[in-house]
Amino acid sequence: MTKTHNVLLIGLGKIGMLYDFDNNNPEVFLSHAKSIDKIEGFNLTAGVDKNKDLTNLFKSKYKKPTFNS
């Protein structure tokens, strides 16, 4: 049985989410969000950022809750 790690991502900027936000190639992983979301053994649970625009993007793409602090 594979252990699953729940991950709360803090910081949704470039490396957090934006580097590959529009890249749908399943073999390209340039951000923490996409890597955590797609790699077995990890469960992306939520995202945190002070920037409301970034939390809205995260919520729309990953369908996970967001927080501003």
Protein backbone atom coordinates (compact mmCIF):
# COMPACT_ATOMS: atom_id res chain seq x y z
CA MET A 1 0.00 0.00 0.00
CA THR A 2 1.34 3.42 -0.99
CA LYS A 3 1.23 6.12 1.66
CA THR A 4 -0.45 9.33 0.53
CA HIS A 5 0.95 12.68 1.62
CA ASN A 6 -1.57 15.51 1.91
CA VAL A 7 -0.05 18.79 0.75
CA LEU A 8 -1.13 22.37 1.43
CA LEU A 9 0.67 24.58 -1.09
CA ILE A 10 1.75 27.97 0.25
CA GLY A 11 2.64 30.46 -2.48
CA LEU A 12 0.89 30.26 -5.83
CA GLY A 13 3.26 32.42 -7.87
CA LYS A 14 5.60 31.29 -10.65
CA ILE A 15 7.18 28.17 -9.16
CA GLY A 16 4.10 27.51 -7.05
CA MET A 17 1.70 27.32 -9.99
CA LEU A 18 2.25 29.69 -12.93
CA TYR A 19 5.25 28.26 -14.84
CA ASP A 20 3.11 25.50 -16.37
CA PHE A 21 -0.41 26.77 -15.68
CA ASP A 22 -1.43 26.70 -19.37
CA ASN A 23 0.75 23.74 -20.36
CA ASN A 24 -1.40 20.64 -20.78
CA ASN A 25 1.46 18.33 -21.71
CA PRO A 26 1.28 15.53 -19.10
CA GLU A 27 5.05 15.06 -19.25
CA VAL A 28 5.94 18.67 -18.39
CA PHE A 29 6.16 19.57 -14.70
CA LEU A 30 7.45 23.08 -14.02
CA SER A 31 5.55 24.05 -10.88
CA HIS A 32 4.87 22.62 -7.46
CA ALA A 33 1.09 22.58 -7.97
CA LYS A 34 1.12 20.47 -11.14
CA SER A 35 3.76 18.12 -9.75
CA ILE A 36 1.89 17.54 -6.50
CA ASP A 37 -1.43 17.16 -8.31
CA LYS A 38 -0.16 14.56 -10.81
CA ILE A 39 2.40 12.45 -8.95
CA GLU A 40 1.18 9.32 -7.19
CA GLY A 41 1.47 9.39 -3.43
CA PHE A 42 0.63 13.10 -3.10
CA ASN A 43 -2.76 14.73 -2.57
CA LEU A 44 -3.01 18.46 -3.28
CA THR A 45 -5.48 19.62 -0.62
CA ALA A 46 -5.50 23.44 -0.85
CA GLY A 47 -3.57 26.54 -1.87
CA VAL A 48 -2.60 29.67 0.04
CA ASP A 49 -1.60 33.08 -1.30
CA LYS A 50 -2.23 36.71 -0.35
CA ASN A 51 -3.03 37.50 -3.99
CA LYS A 52 -6.75 36.94 -4.61
CA ASP A 53 -6.23 36.62 -8.39
CA LEU A 54 -3.81 33.72 -7.84
CA THR A 55 -6.12 31.94 -5.42
CA ASN A 56 -8.96 32.29 -7.94
CA LEU A 57 -6.78 30.77 -10.70
CA PHE A 58 -5.76 27.91 -8.43
CA LYS A 59 -9.37 27.24 -7.41
CA SER A 60 -10.56 27.23 -11.04
CA LYS A 61 -7.84 24.84 -12.24
CA TYR A 62 -7.41 22.43 -9.33
CA LYS A 63 -10.92 22.58 -7.82
CA LYS A 64 -9.44 22.80 -4.32
CA PRO A 65 -10.08 25.28 -1.49
CA THR A 66 -7.93 28.38 -1.15
CA PHE A 67 -6.95 30.68 1.67
CA ASN A 68 -5.46 34.18 1.79
CA SER A 69 -3.52 33.59 5.01
